[in-house]
Amino acid sequence: MTKAKGSLDKNLSNVIDDLAQTPVNSHQAQQLNQDANDRRQDALNHDQPTDLHHQRS
């Protein structure tokens, strides 16, 4: 195994940052969940980026 070069894992630090956000109300909680879902969907469709301005017809 290789050792980390004196820094934390970027993915883990992003997860910690996301978990540190406490939603104030249900609307904000829903927005945070939607952001996570959007990132997940973007990762699944990484070969076809979403372009809302030039949609296929």
N, C-alpha and C. Protein backbone atom coordinates (compact mmCIF):
# COMPACT_ATOMS: atom_id res chain seq x y z
N MET A 1 0.83 -1.19 0.00
CA MET A 1 0.00 0.00 0.00
C MET A 1 0.87 1.25 0.00
N THR A 2 0.37 2.25 -0.64
CA THR A 2 1.10 3.51 -0.63
C THR A 2 0.50 4.41 0.43
N LYS A 3 1.32 5.25 0.97
CA LYS A 3 0.86 6.18 1.99
C LYS A 3 0.39 7.48 1.35
N ALA A 4 -0.55 8.11 2.01
CA ALA A 4 -1.01 9.42 1.54
C ALA A 4 0.13 10.41 1.73
N LYS A 5 0.18 11.36 0.85
CA LYS A 5 1.27 12.32 0.88
C LYS A 5 0.95 13.50 1.79
N GLY A 6 0.67 13.22 3.05
CA GLY A 6 0.46 14.28 4.03
C GLY A 6 -0.86 15.01 3.90
N SER A 7 -1.83 14.43 3.21
CA SER A 7 -3.12 15.11 3.09
C SER A 7 -4.24 14.09 3.24
N LEU A 8 -5.40 14.61 3.56
CA LEU A 8 -6.57 13.76 3.69
C LEU A 8 -7.10 13.37 2.32
N ASP A 9 -7.82 12.29 2.27
CA ASP A 9 -8.47 11.86 1.04
C ASP A 9 -9.49 12.92 0.64
N LYS A 10 -9.43 13.39 -0.60
CA LYS A 10 -10.32 14.46 -1.07
C LYS A 10 -11.78 14.03 -1.00
N ASN A 11 -12.08 12.80 -1.38
CA ASN A 11 -13.46 12.33 -1.35
C ASN A 11 -14.00 12.30 0.06
N LEU A 12 -13.19 11.84 1.00
CA LEU A 12 -13.64 11.79 2.39
C LEU A 12 -13.83 13.18 2.96
N SER A 13 -12.95 14.11 2.62
CA SER A 13 -13.11 15.47 3.13
C SER A 13 -14.37 16.11 2.55
N ASN A 14 -14.72 15.79 1.30
CA ASN A 14 -15.96 16.31 0.72
C ASN A 14 -17.18 15.73 1.43
N VAL A 15 -17.12 14.45 1.78
CA VAL A 15 -18.23 13.82 2.51
C VAL A 15 -18.38 14.47 3.87
N ILE A 16 -17.28 14.73 4.54
CA ILE A 16 -17.33 15.37 5.85
C ILE A 16 -17.94 16.76 5.73
N ASP A 17 -17.56 17.50 4.70
CA ASP A 17 -18.14 18.83 4.49
C ASP A 17 -19.64 18.74 4.26
N ASP A 18 -20.07 17.76 3.46
CA ASP A 18 -21.50 17.59 3.20
C ASP A 18 -22.26 17.23 4.47
N LEU A 19 -21.68 16.36 5.28
CA LEU A 19 -22.35 15.96 6.52
C LEU A 19 -22.39 17.08 7.54
N ALA A 20 -21.45 18.02 7.44
CA ALA A 20 -21.40 19.13 8.39
C ALA A 20 -22.52 20.13 8.16
N GLN A 21 -23.14 20.10 6.99
CA GLN A 21 -24.23 21.03 6.70
C GLN A 21 -25.51 20.52 7.35
N THR A 22 -26.07 21.33 8.20
CA THR A 22 -27.32 20.98 8.87
C THR A 22 -28.45 21.78 8.26
N PRO A 23 -29.43 21.12 7.65
CA PRO A 23 -30.53 21.85 7.05
C PRO A 23 -31.37 22.56 8.11
N VAL A 24 -31.80 23.76 7.78
CA VAL A 24 -32.58 24.57 8.71
C VAL A 24 -34.03 24.12 8.72
N ASN A 25 -34.57 23.79 7.55
CA ASN A 25 -35.97 23.38 7.46
C ASN A 25 -36.10 22.29 6.40
N SER A 26 -37.31 21.83 6.21
CA SER A 26 -37.52 20.71 5.28
C SER A 26 -37.20 21.09 3.84
N HIS A 27 -37.45 22.34 3.47
CA HIS A 27 -37.14 22.77 2.10
C HIS A 27 -35.64 22.71 1.85
N GLN A 28 -34.86 23.21 2.80
CA GLN A 28 -33.40 23.18 2.63
C GLN A 28 -32.89 21.74 2.64
N ALA A 29 -33.48 20.89 3.46
CA ALA A 29 -33.09 19.48 3.49
C ALA A 29 -33.38 18.83 2.14
N GLN A 30 -34.52 19.16 1.54
CA GLN A 30 -34.87 18.61 0.23
C GLN A 30 -33.89 19.11 -0.82
N GLN A 31 -33.48 20.38 -0.73
CA GLN A 31 -32.53 20.93 -1.70
C GLN A 31 -31.18 20.23 -1.59
N LEU A 32 -30.72 19.96 -0.37
CA LEU A 32 -29.46 19.25 -0.19
C LEU A 32 -29.54 17.83 -0.76
N ASN A 33 -30.67 17.16 -0.52
CA ASN A 33 -30.85 15.83 -1.08
C ASN A 33 -30.89 15.86 -2.60
N GLN A 34 -31.53 16.87 -3.17
CA GLN A 34 -31.59 16.98 -4.63
C GLN A 34 -30.21 17.24 -5.21
N ASP A 35 -29.40 18.05 -4.53
CA ASP A 35 -28.03 18.29 -4.98
C ASP A 35 -27.24 16.99 -5.03
N ALA A 36 -27.40 16.17 -3.99
CA ALA A 36 -26.70 14.88 -3.96
C ALA A 36 -27.19 13.97 -5.08
N ASN A 37 -28.50 13.96 -5.31
CA ASN A 37 -29.05 13.14 -6.40
C ASN A 37 -28.57 13.63 -7.76
N ASP A 38 -28.49 14.95 -7.92
CA ASP A 38 -28.00 15.50 -9.19
C ASP A 38 -26.56 15.10 -9.44
N ARG A 39 -25.72 15.18 -8.40
CA ARG A 39 -24.32 14.78 -8.56
C ARG A 39 -24.22 13.31 -8.90
N ARG A 40 -25.03 12.49 -8.26
CA ARG A 40 -25.02 11.05 -8.54
C ARG A 40 -25.45 10.79 -9.98
N GLN A 41 -26.49 11.46 -10.44
CA GLN A 41 -26.96 11.28 -11.80
C GLN A 41 -25.92 11.77 -12.81
N ASP A 42 -25.27 12.88 -12.50
CA ASP A 42 -24.22 13.39 -13.39
C ASP A 42 -23.07 12.39 -13.48
N ALA A 43 -22.75 11.74 -12.37
CA ALA A 43 -21.66 10.75 -12.39
C ALA A 43 -22.04 9.55 -13.25
N LEU A 44 -23.30 9.16 -13.22
CA LEU A 44 -23.75 8.03 -14.03
C LEU A 44 -23.78 8.39 -15.51
N ASN A 45 -24.06 9.64 -15.83
CA ASN A 45 -24.18 10.08 -17.22
C ASN A 45 -22.99 10.95 -17.61
N HIS A 46 -21.83 10.61 -17.14
CA HIS A 46 -20.66 11.46 -17.37
C HIS A 46 -20.29 11.58 -18.84
N ASP A 47 -20.73 10.66 -19.66
CA ASP A 47 -20.39 10.73 -21.08
C ASP A 47 -21.38 11.57 -21.88
N GLN A 48 -22.52 11.90 -21.27
CA GLN A 48 -23.52 12.74 -21.94
C GLN A 48 -23.91 13.88 -21.01
N PRO A 49 -23.19 14.99 -21.04
CA PRO A 49 -23.51 16.10 -20.14
C PRO A 49 -24.88 16.69 -20.44
N THR A 50 -25.52 17.19 -19.42
CA THR A 50 -26.83 17.79 -19.55
C THR A 50 -26.68 19.19 -20.12
N ASP A 51 -27.38 19.45 -21.20
CA ASP A 51 -27.36 20.77 -21.80
C ASP A 51 -28.81 21.23 -21.92
N LEU A 52 -29.24 22.06 -20.98
CA LEU A 52 -30.63 22.48 -20.94
C LEU A 52 -30.94 23.52 -22.01
N HIS A 53 -29.93 24.19 -22.54
CA HIS A 53 -30.17 25.24 -23.54
C HIS A 53 -30.28 24.68 -24.94
N HIS A 54 -29.68 23.51 -25.21
CA HIS A 54 -29.70 22.94 -26.55
C HIS A 54 -30.16 21.48 -26.47
N GLN A 55 -31.41 21.31 -26.13
CA GLN A 55 -31.94 19.96 -25.99
C GLN A 55 -32.21 19.35 -27.36
N ARG A 56 -32.10 18.04 -27.41
CA ARG A 56 -32.40 17.32 -28.66
C ARG A 56 -33.90 17.35 -28.91
N SER A 57 -34.27 17.37 -30.16
CA SER A 57 -35.71 17.38 -30.46
C SER A 57 -36.12 16.11 -31.16
